[in-house]
Amino acid sequence: MFQRIKSNFKKIQNKALLLLFSVLSPPAFADLPTVEDPSRGQGSGIFETMKNYAYDAGIFIGLLIATIGFLGVAWHGIAVFSEVQNGKKKWSDFGAVVAVGVILIVVVIWLLSKAADIL
């Protein structure tokens, strides 16, 4: 019984010390980082600045699309490789998946670079 009371007292003492230190310690304020200018610069007005930020957002979305495409091709290639190892498919199937995947990735990157030139 005495051990339990001693244990509870220790827990209360620790919480009280934590509360005391949190109240007495000075607050720590960190400066937030400044907002980066868009890649095309600030522009001459708010409309042009927002247009430049939208351009950067479009480039970012394009990179996400290319990343998802790359991961999809890699995932499918790994699945076909696994099926080749299990004897369900042939090596020619795996080669076809790799060739089409490479062409797909090249076309996606080419289209995204063309889209970036249009903006």
Protein backbone atom coordinates (compact mmCIF):
# COMPACT_ATOMS: atom_id res chain seq x y z
CA MET A 1 0.00 0.00 0.00
CA PHE A 2 2.81 2.37 0.94
CA GLN A 3 4.60 1.64 -2.36
CA ARG A 4 1.49 2.55 -4.32
CA ILE A 5 1.09 5.85 -2.49
CA LYS A 6 4.79 6.58 -3.01
CA SER A 7 4.46 5.78 -6.73
CA ASN A 8 1.40 8.03 -7.12
CA PHE A 9 3.17 10.83 -5.23
CA LYS A 10 6.15 10.53 -7.57
CA LYS A 11 3.88 10.80 -10.63
CA ILE A 12 2.15 13.88 -9.21
CA GLN A 13 5.52 15.39 -8.32
CA ASN A 14 6.80 14.86 -11.89
CA LYS A 15 3.67 16.45 -13.39
CA ALA A 16 3.95 19.41 -11.03
CA LEU A 17 7.59 19.96 -11.97
CA LEU A 18 6.73 19.76 -15.66
CA LEU A 19 3.96 22.31 -15.20
CA LEU A 20 6.24 24.59 -13.18
CA PHE A 21 9.02 24.49 -15.80
CA SER A 22 6.59 25.07 -18.65
CA VAL A 23 5.15 28.14 -16.90
CA LEU A 24 8.49 29.60 -15.83
CA SER A 25 10.42 29.01 -19.03
CA PRO A 26 10.45 31.87 -21.52
CA PRO A 27 8.52 31.23 -24.73
CA ALA A 28 10.58 30.27 -27.75
CA PHE A 29 9.62 32.07 -30.92
CA ALA A 30 11.09 31.08 -34.24
CA ASP A 31 10.87 33.24 -37.32
CA LEU A 32 8.97 31.72 -40.17
CA PRO A 33 10.89 31.46 -43.42
CA THR A 34 10.18 34.10 -46.01
CA VAL A 35 8.04 33.17 -48.99
CA GLU A 36 10.11 32.36 -52.04
CA ASP A 37 9.53 34.33 -55.20
CA PRO A 38 8.18 32.34 -58.14
CA SER A 39 10.71 30.98 -60.61
CA ARG A 40 9.76 33.66 -63.15
CA GLY A 41 10.12 36.48 -60.60
CA GLN A 42 7.67 38.74 -58.78
CA GLY A 43 6.19 40.43 -61.82
CA SER A 44 4.92 43.97 -62.19
CA GLY A 45 1.66 43.46 -60.30
CA ILE A 46 -0.35 41.04 -58.21
CA PHE A 47 -1.96 39.42 -61.26
CA GLU A 48 1.37 38.66 -62.89
CA THR A 49 2.82 37.39 -59.60
CA MET A 50 -0.13 35.02 -59.12
CA LYS A 51 0.28 33.90 -62.74
CA ASN A 52 3.94 33.08 -62.02
CA TYR A 53 2.95 31.10 -58.91
CA ALA A 54 0.36 29.22 -60.99
CA TYR A 55 3.10 28.39 -63.50
CA ASP A 56 5.21 26.89 -60.69
CA ALA A 57 2.19 24.94 -59.44
CA GLY A 58 1.60 23.60 -62.95
CA ILE A 59 5.21 22.47 -63.22
CA PHE A 60 4.90 20.75 -59.84
CA ILE A 61 1.71 18.95 -60.89
CA GLY A 62 3.45 17.87 -64.08
CA LEU A 63 6.32 16.43 -62.07
CA LEU A 64 3.82 14.55 -59.92
CA ILE A 65 2.18 13.11 -63.03
CA ALA A 66 5.57 11.99 -64.38
CA THR A 67 6.44 10.45 -61.00
CA ILE A 68 3.16 8.54 -60.83
CA GLY A 69 3.71 7.31 -64.40
CA PHE A 70 7.23 6.17 -63.58
CA LEU A 71 6.06 4.35 -60.44
CA GLY A 72 3.22 2.69 -62.39
CA VAL A 73 5.61 1.42 -65.05
CA ALA A 74 8.04 0.17 -62.40
CA TRP A 75 5.23 -1.55 -60.47
CA HIS A 76 3.95 -3.30 -63.58
CA GLY A 77 7.47 -4.28 -64.61
CA ILE A 78 8.10 -5.84 -61.19
CA ALA A 79 4.77 -7.72 -61.39
CA VAL A 80 5.59 -9.13 -64.83
CA PHE A 81 9.12 -10.05 -63.68
CA SER A 82 7.58 -11.95 -60.77
CA GLU A 83 5.26 -13.79 -63.16
CA VAL A 84 8.26 -14.67 -65.36
CA GLN A 85 10.03 -16.11 -62.32
CA ASN A 86 6.92 -18.17 -61.48
CA GLY A 87 6.71 -19.48 -65.06
CA LYS A 88 3.39 -17.82 -65.89
CA LYS A 89 4.88 -15.46 -68.50
CA LYS A 90 7.87 -15.44 -70.83
CA TRP A 91 10.90 -13.19 -70.95
CA SER A 92 9.57 -11.67 -74.17
CA ASP A 93 6.55 -10.41 -72.19
CA PHE A 94 8.88 -8.75 -69.71
CA GLY A 95 10.92 -7.19 -72.53
CA ALA A 96 7.75 -5.84 -74.12
CA VAL A 97 6.66 -4.30 -70.80
CA VAL A 98 10.06 -2.66 -70.34
CA ALA A 99 10.12 -1.31 -73.93
CA VAL A 100 6.58 0.09 -73.74
CA GLY A 101 7.32 1.51 -70.28
CA VAL A 102 10.40 3.33 -71.49
CA ILE A 103 8.52 4.75 -74.47
CA LEU A 104 5.66 5.81 -72.19
CA ILE A 105 7.97 7.60 -69.78
CA VAL A 106 9.80 9.39 -72.59
CA VAL A 107 6.50 10.52 -74.15
CA VAL A 108 5.16 11.74 -70.80
CA ILE A 109 8.31 13.74 -70.07
CA TRP A 110 8.30 15.17 -73.61
CA LEU A 111 4.64 16.20 -73.32
CA LEU A 112 5.22 17.81 -69.93
CA SER A 113 8.18 19.80 -71.25
CA LYS A 114 6.03 20.98 -74.18
CA ALA A 115 3.26 21.95 -71.76
CA ALA A 116 5.78 23.94 -69.68
CA ASP A 117 6.81 25.86 -72.83
CA ILE A 118 3.18 26.74 -73.57
CA LEU A 119 2.61 28.29 -70.16
